[in-house]
Amino acid sequence: MWSSSPATPGALDSVSVVLESERPLDVGMSLSGLRRGPGDPTYQRDDAGSVWRASRLPSGLVTYRLTQTTRYSVRCTAWGDGGAEFTDMVPALLGCDDDASGFEPEHPTLKEAHRQFPHLRLGRTGLVMEALVPAILEQRVHGVSAFSSWRTLVTKFGDRAPGPTPRPMFVPPTPDVWRRIPSWEYHLANVDPARSKTIVRCAHVAGRLEQTTSMSYPDATRRLRAVPGVGIWTAAEAAQRALGDPDALSVGDYHLASVVGWSLLGRPLDDEGMIEYMKPLAPHRFRAVRLLQVSGKAIKPKFGPRTPLVDHTRH
């Protein structure tokens, strides 16, 4: 249920609305997966606990602030030409369309996590390139390196976010800009040619990729994976955020299979073992993984030193 409210006093050219729900809401939990590292220029959390994000919509740039006002209500204030369009997207972003019916895990750990977090909702941004590019940057590298590349490229080639942001924020580049970034700029951002070429290929067909928001999850995944360089892991990471796919399992992740194995079986699994073990949880396999994460029940013992970071700028 929606209720409108006046713009925040002193916030020029803003639109403000309140989302009220019959089910509990949790802004931090719903949006945490959209943050790409602590220095993400598109994401900020202020001292009051509000979440700020900057995005590019068909109607224009938007900066939005989401503030939890009660357990069942969230206030959204948006700035920029895309503000009005964004207010219509808030319910989907906070997972109001997410349907967990049929999810009845049998494993005690998942049962307990589901009991503790029955209000977990898988939101969807509806913005495919916004989710796909950082996923490509995260292919086969440490998160800290990928986050640095994302921060460098968005800050240098994106647009300054509108509105009174708590710190300078930036909107990701357009597909045309992603396509035209010189190869040496990707190199300086520590992005190897394989990943930069994949970003460019996606940018060339960005319109067709954005159409996946209106397709079934399997059809959307097939279209994403039709782009050379976009494999099952990258497609799943994008589908989780842009499409809200509750079954998008990140097969090929460096840690996930082992985490699932240690958390639910007390021993590591490989990808094939994880796929087989999680079959009964379909079509909610990503929901199960997310529950392990938010409940703090995802575990993986540490063995040996961490693999070294790779600096592609030296190659």
Protein backbone atom coordinates (compact mmCIF):
# COMPACT_ATOMS: atom_id res chain seq x y z
CA MET A 1 0.00 0.00 0.00
CA TRP A 2 1.34 3.41 -0.98
CA SER A 3 0.84 6.78 0.63
CA SER A 4 2.26 10.01 -0.77
CA SER A 5 3.87 12.73 1.28
CA PRO A 6 5.31 16.20 0.54
CA ALA A 7 8.90 16.63 -0.52
CA THR A 8 11.42 16.85 2.31
CA PRO A 9 11.71 20.49 3.48
CA GLY A 10 14.72 22.17 1.92
CA ALA A 11 15.29 19.37 -0.59
CA LEU A 12 14.69 21.18 -3.89
CA ASP A 13 13.46 19.25 -6.91
CA SER A 14 12.81 16.12 -4.91
CA VAL A 15 9.87 13.76 -4.67
CA SER A 16 9.05 11.86 -1.50
CA VAL A 17 6.79 8.88 -0.95
CA VAL A 18 6.15 6.37 1.81
CA LEU A 19 5.83 2.64 1.27
CA GLU A 20 3.67 0.85 3.81
CA SER A 21 3.53 -2.92 3.83
CA GLU A 22 1.54 -5.59 5.61
CA ARG A 23 4.76 -7.61 5.91
CA PRO A 24 7.91 -6.41 7.67
CA LEU A 25 10.43 -4.45 5.62
CA ASP A 26 14.19 -4.25 6.04
CA VAL A 27 15.96 -1.67 3.88
CA GLY A 28 19.48 -2.69 4.86
CA MET A 29 18.89 -6.38 4.23
CA SER A 30 17.13 -5.83 0.90
CA LEU A 31 19.73 -3.45 -0.52
CA SER A 32 23.01 -4.73 0.96
CA GLY A 33 23.67 -6.95 -2.05
CA LEU A 34 23.76 -3.89 -4.31
CA ARG A 35 26.81 -2.44 -2.60
CA ARG A 36 30.09 -3.10 -4.41
CA GLY A 37 32.62 -2.65 -1.64
CA PRO A 38 32.98 -0.02 1.10
CA GLY A 39 33.93 2.73 -1.37
CA ASP A 40 31.15 2.11 -3.90
CA PRO A 41 30.47 5.56 -5.44
CA THR A 42 26.86 4.58 -6.17
CA TYR A 43 26.03 3.51 -2.59
CA GLN A 44 26.23 5.18 0.81
CA ARG A 45 24.77 4.60 4.25
CA ASP A 46 24.56 7.72 6.43
CA ASP A 47 24.82 8.14 10.19
CA ALA A 48 21.04 7.94 10.52
CA GLY A 49 20.99 4.51 8.92
CA SER A 50 19.42 5.64 5.64
CA VAL A 51 20.60 4.02 2.42
CA TRP A 52 21.53 6.28 -0.50
CA ARG A 53 21.97 5.03 -4.06
CA ALA A 54 22.52 6.58 -7.46
CA SER A 55 21.17 4.99 -10.65
CA ARG A 56 20.47 5.70 -14.29
CA LEU A 57 16.86 5.17 -15.40
CA PRO A 58 15.28 5.58 -18.84
CA SER A 59 13.85 8.92 -17.66
CA GLY A 60 17.19 10.19 -16.34
CA LEU A 61 19.59 10.15 -13.41
CA VAL A 62 18.29 9.58 -9.89
CA THR A 63 19.67 9.66 -6.38
CA TYR A 64 17.42 8.12 -3.78
CA ARG A 65 17.45 7.87 -0.01
CA LEU A 66 15.54 5.08 1.72
CA THR A 67 14.81 5.52 5.42
CA GLN A 68 13.20 2.87 7.61
CA THR A 69 10.51 4.69 9.60
CA THR A 70 8.81 1.69 11.20
CA ARG A 71 9.09 -2.06 10.80
CA TYR A 72 6.39 -1.82 8.14
CA SER A 73 7.13 1.48 6.42
CA VAL A 74 9.94 3.10 4.44
CA ARG A 75 10.26 6.70 3.27
CA CYS A 76 11.85 7.28 -0.10
CA THR A 77 13.14 10.66 -1.23
CA ALA A 78 14.46 10.92 -4.78
CA TRP A 79 16.30 13.64 -6.69
CA GLY A 80 16.93 14.04 -10.41
CA ASP A 81 15.02 13.57 -13.65
CA GLY A 82 14.50 9.90 -12.84
CA GLY A 83 12.95 10.59 -9.42
CA ALA A 84 9.29 10.20 -10.38
CA GLU A 85 9.97 6.98 -12.30
CA PHE A 86 11.98 5.59 -9.42
CA THR A 87 9.20 6.01 -6.86
CA ASP A 88 7.16 3.49 -8.85
CA MET A 89 10.07 1.03 -8.60
CA VAL A 90 10.43 1.09 -4.81
CA PRO A 91 8.08 -1.84 -4.03
CA ALA A 92 9.99 -4.17 -6.37
CA LEU A 93 13.33 -2.89 -5.05
CA LEU A 94 12.33 -3.76 -1.49
CA GLY A 95 11.02 -7.18 -2.48
CA CYS A 96 7.29 -6.59 -2.22
CA ASP A 97 6.85 -8.78 -5.32
CA ASP A 98 9.02 -11.56 -3.89
CA ASP A 99 7.08 -14.78 -3.33
CA ALA A 100 8.61 -17.29 -0.91
CA SER A 101 5.67 -19.68 -1.02
CA GLY A 102 6.82 -23.24 -1.50
CA PHE A 103 10.10 -22.62 0.28
CA GLU A 104 10.07 -25.20 3.07
CA PRO A 105 13.66 -26.25 3.80
CA GLU A 106 14.22 -29.43 5.75
CA HIS A 107 17.77 -28.83 6.94
CA PRO A 108 17.73 -27.62 10.59
CA THR A 109 20.14 -24.76 9.86
CA LEU A 110 18.01 -23.41 7.01
CA LYS A 111 14.83 -23.98 9.00
CA GLU A 112 16.19 -21.91 11.86
CA ALA A 113 17.44 -19.17 9.53
CA HIS A 114 14.04 -19.00 7.84
CA ARG A 115 12.36 -18.81 11.24
CA GLN A 116 14.65 -15.98 12.34
CA PHE A 117 14.33 -14.02 9.08
CA PRO A 118 10.84 -14.66 7.70
CA HIS A 119 10.88 -11.06 6.43
CA LEU A 120 13.83 -11.66 4.07
CA ARG A 121 12.80 -10.31 0.68
CA LEU A 122 14.67 -10.57 -2.58
CA GLY A 123 14.35 -7.26 -4.36
CA ARG A 124 14.92 -6.40 -8.00
CA THR A 125 16.32 -3.20 -9.49
CA GLY A 126 15.15 -3.89 -13.04
CA LEU A 127 18.51 -2.45 -14.25
CA VAL A 128 20.48 -5.15 -16.02
CA MET A 129 23.63 -3.33 -17.14
CA GLU A 130 23.94 -1.74 -13.69
CA ALA A 131 24.13 -5.26 -12.21
CA LEU A 132 26.03 -6.91 -15.06
CA VAL A 133 29.09 -4.66 -15.36
CA PRO A 134 30.27 -5.02 -11.74
CA ALA A 135 29.63 -8.77 -11.93
CA ILE A 136 31.94 -8.93 -14.97
CA LEU A 137 34.56 -6.93 -13.08
CA GLU A 138 34.37 -9.50 -10.27
CA GLN A 139 35.12 -12.45 -12.58
CA ARG A 140 38.12 -14.47 -11.37
CA VAL A 141 39.60 -11.73 -9.17
CA HIS A 142 39.51 -10.79 -5.51
CA GLY A 143 36.61 -8.62 -4.47
CA VAL A 144 38.91 -5.85 -3.28
CA SER A 145 40.42 -5.57 -6.78
CA ALA A 146 37.04 -5.63 -8.51
CA PHE A 147 35.62 -3.02 -6.13
CA SER A 148 38.59 -0.76 -6.82
CA SER A 149 38.08 -1.12 -10.60
CA TRP A 150 34.36 -0.34 -10.26
CA ARG A 151 35.08 2.70 -8.13
CA THR A 152 37.72 4.00 -10.54
CA LEU A 153 35.66 3.55 -13.70
CA VAL A 154 32.36 4.86 -12.34
CA THR A 155 33.97 7.90 -10.75
CA LYS A 156 35.93 8.75 -13.90
CA PHE A 157 33.36 7.98 -16.60
CA GLY A 158 30.02 8.18 -14.78
CA ASP A 159 27.95 11.26 -13.99
CA ARG A 160 27.79 13.13 -10.72
CA ALA A 161 24.70 12.02 -8.82
CA PRO A 162 21.98 14.64 -8.35
CA GLY A 163 20.77 15.78 -4.96
CA PRO A 164 22.34 16.57 -1.56
CA THR A 165 24.31 13.34 -1.18
CA PRO A 166 26.19 12.75 2.11
CA ARG A 167 29.42 12.50 0.11
CA PRO A 168 30.14 12.82 -3.63
CA MET A 169 28.31 10.02 -5.42
CA PHE A 170 28.27 8.96 -9.06
CA VAL A 171 25.88 7.29 -11.49
CA PRO A 172 27.30 4.43 -13.62
CA PRO A 173 28.11 5.29 -17.26
CA THR A 174 25.69 4.74 -20.12
CA PRO A 175 26.18 1.63 -22.27
CA ASP A 176 27.59 3.86 -25.01
CA VAL A 177 30.22 5.21 -22.62
CA TRP A 178 31.11 1.71 -21.35
CA ARG A 179 31.57 0.73 -25.00
CA ARG A 180 33.82 3.68 -25.80
CA ILE A 181 36.13 3.62 -22.77
CA PRO A 182 39.64 3.21 -24.24
CA SER A 183 41.39 -0.09 -23.60
CA TRP A 184 44.20 1.67 -21.73
CA GLU A 185 41.68 3.18 -19.29
CA TYR A 186 40.42 -0.30 -18.46
CA HIS A 187 44.05 -1.33 -18.08
CA LEU A 188 44.76 1.54 -15.68
CA ALA A 189 41.70 0.46 -13.66
CA ASN A 190 43.27 -3.02 -13.31
CA VAL A 191 40.81 -4.68 -15.70
CA ASP A 192 42.33 -7.29 -18.00
CA PRO A 193 41.35 -7.48 -21.70
CA ALA A 194 39.06 -10.50 -21.24
CA ARG A 195 36.81 -8.65 -18.80
CA SER A 196 36.91 -5.31 -20.60
CA LYS A 197 35.98 -6.97 -23.91
CA THR A 198 33.03 -8.68 -22.20
CA ILE A 199 31.80 -5.32 -20.87
CA VAL A 200 32.08 -3.83 -24.36
CA ARG A 201 30.17 -6.76 -25.90
CA CYS A 202 27.38 -6.34 -23.34
CA ALA A 203 27.26 -2.60 -23.98
CA HIS A 204 26.77 -3.26 -27.71
CA VAL A 205 23.61 -5.28 -26.99
CA ALA A 206 22.50 -3.45 -23.84
CA GLY A 207 19.00 -2.87 -25.21
CA ARG A 208 18.40 -6.58 -25.70
CA LEU A 209 19.83 -7.37 -22.29
CA GLU A 210 17.54 -4.86 -20.58
CA GLN A 211 14.60 -6.68 -22.18
CA THR A 212 15.30 -9.65 -19.91
CA THR A 213 13.43 -7.87 -17.10
CA SER A 214 10.17 -8.89 -18.79
CA MET A 215 11.22 -12.47 -19.58
CA SER A 216 11.00 -15.67 -17.58
CA TYR A 217 14.03 -16.37 -15.42
CA PRO A 218 15.30 -19.25 -17.61
CA ASP A 219 14.86 -17.25 -20.81
CA ALA A 220 16.54 -14.22 -19.25
CA THR A 221 19.52 -16.31 -18.18
CA ARG A 222 19.86 -17.81 -21.65
CA ARG A 223 19.91 -14.35 -23.22
CA LEU A 224 22.49 -13.07 -20.76
CA ARG A 225 24.71 -16.09 -21.34
CA ALA A 226 24.48 -15.67 -25.11
CA VAL A 227 27.02 -12.86 -24.79
CA PRO A 228 30.56 -14.29 -25.02
CA GLY A 229 32.25 -13.88 -21.64
CA VAL A 230 29.03 -14.00 -19.63
CA GLY A 231 28.98 -17.40 -17.99
CA ILE A 232 26.69 -19.05 -15.48
CA TRP A 233 28.23 -17.23 -12.50
CA THR A 234 28.05 -13.75 -14.06
CA ALA A 235 24.50 -14.29 -15.31
CA ALA A 236 23.41 -15.49 -11.87
CA GLU A 237 24.98 -12.51 -10.09
CA ALA A 238 23.19 -10.11 -12.44
CA ALA A 239 19.88 -12.00 -12.24
CA GLN A 240 19.91 -11.94 -8.45
CA ARG A 241 20.08 -8.14 -8.35
CA ALA A 242 18.38 -6.95 -11.52
CA LEU A 243 15.68 -9.61 -11.82
CA GLY A 244 15.22 -10.81 -8.24
CA ASP A 245 15.61 -14.43 -9.36
CA PRO A 246 15.25 -16.56 -6.18
CA ASP A 247 16.90 -19.56 -7.86
CA ALA A 248 19.96 -17.84 -9.38
CA LEU A 249 22.73 -19.97 -7.91
CA SER A 250 26.24 -18.55 -8.39
CA VAL A 251 27.86 -21.71 -9.73
CA GLY A 252 31.57 -21.18 -10.22
CA ASP A 253 31.98 -18.87 -7.24
CA TYR A 254 35.36 -19.24 -5.57
CA HIS A 255 33.83 -19.75 -2.10
CA LEU A 256 30.14 -20.59 -2.43
CA ALA A 257 30.20 -24.37 -2.87
CA SER A 258 32.58 -24.74 0.05
CA VAL A 259 30.48 -22.41 2.21
CA VAL A 260 27.29 -24.34 1.43
CA GLY A 261 29.04 -27.62 2.20
CA TRP A 262 30.57 -26.51 5.51
CA SER A 263 27.38 -24.72 6.60
CA LEU A 264 24.96 -27.55 5.86
CA LEU A 265 27.06 -30.73 5.82
CA GLY A 266 30.15 -29.93 7.86
CA ARG A 267 32.43 -30.62 4.91
CA PRO A 268 33.35 -28.84 1.67
CA LEU A 269 31.54 -29.37 -1.63
CA ASP A 270 32.56 -28.66 -5.19
CA ASP A 271 30.19 -27.05 -7.69
CA GLU A 272 28.77 -30.36 -8.92
CA GLY A 273 28.18 -31.50 -5.37
CA MET A 274 26.51 -28.20 -4.45
CA ILE A 275 24.20 -28.35 -7.48
CA GLU A 276 23.16 -31.90 -6.66
CA TYR A 277 22.70 -31.22 -2.95
CA MET A 278 20.59 -28.09 -3.52
CA LYS A 279 18.26 -29.59 -6.14
CA PRO A 280 15.42 -30.06 -3.62
CA LEU A 281 15.56 -26.33 -2.81
CA ALA A 282 14.78 -25.24 -6.38
CA PRO A 283 13.35 -22.75 -7.31
CA HIS A 284 14.64 -21.05 -4.15
CA ARG A 285 18.35 -21.90 -4.14
CA PHE A 286 19.54 -18.30 -4.04
CA ARG A 287 17.04 -17.62 -1.25
CA ALA A 288 18.63 -20.42 0.75
CA VAL A 289 22.11 -18.97 0.19
CA ARG A 290 20.93 -15.50 1.14
CA LEU A 291 19.39 -16.85 4.35
CA LEU A 292 22.69 -18.41 5.32
CA GLN A 293 24.39 -15.06 4.72
CA VAL A 294 21.99 -12.75 6.58
CA SER A 295 21.57 -15.14 9.51
CA GLY A 296 25.32 -15.45 10.07
CA LYS A 297 25.09 -19.22 9.59
CA ALA A 298 27.33 -19.26 6.51
CA ILE A 299 30.65 -20.72 7.64
CA LYS A 300 33.92 -21.74 6.00
CA PRO A 301 37.07 -22.65 7.94
CA LYS A 302 40.24 -20.88 6.85
CA PHE A 303 43.06 -23.03 5.56
CA GLY A 304 46.40 -21.59 4.48
CA PRO A 305 47.30 -18.13 3.22
CA ARG A 306 45.04 -16.02 1.04
CA THR A 307 45.78 -16.09 -2.69
CA PRO A 308 47.67 -13.00 -3.85
CA LEU A 309 46.05 -10.02 -5.60
CA VAL A 310 46.78 -9.68 -9.30
CA ASP A 311 47.84 -6.30 -10.64
CA HIS A 312 46.94 -6.23 -14.34
CA THR A 313 48.30 -2.72 -14.75
CA ARG A 314 51.81 -4.20 -14.74
CA HIS A 315 51.13 -6.50 -17.69
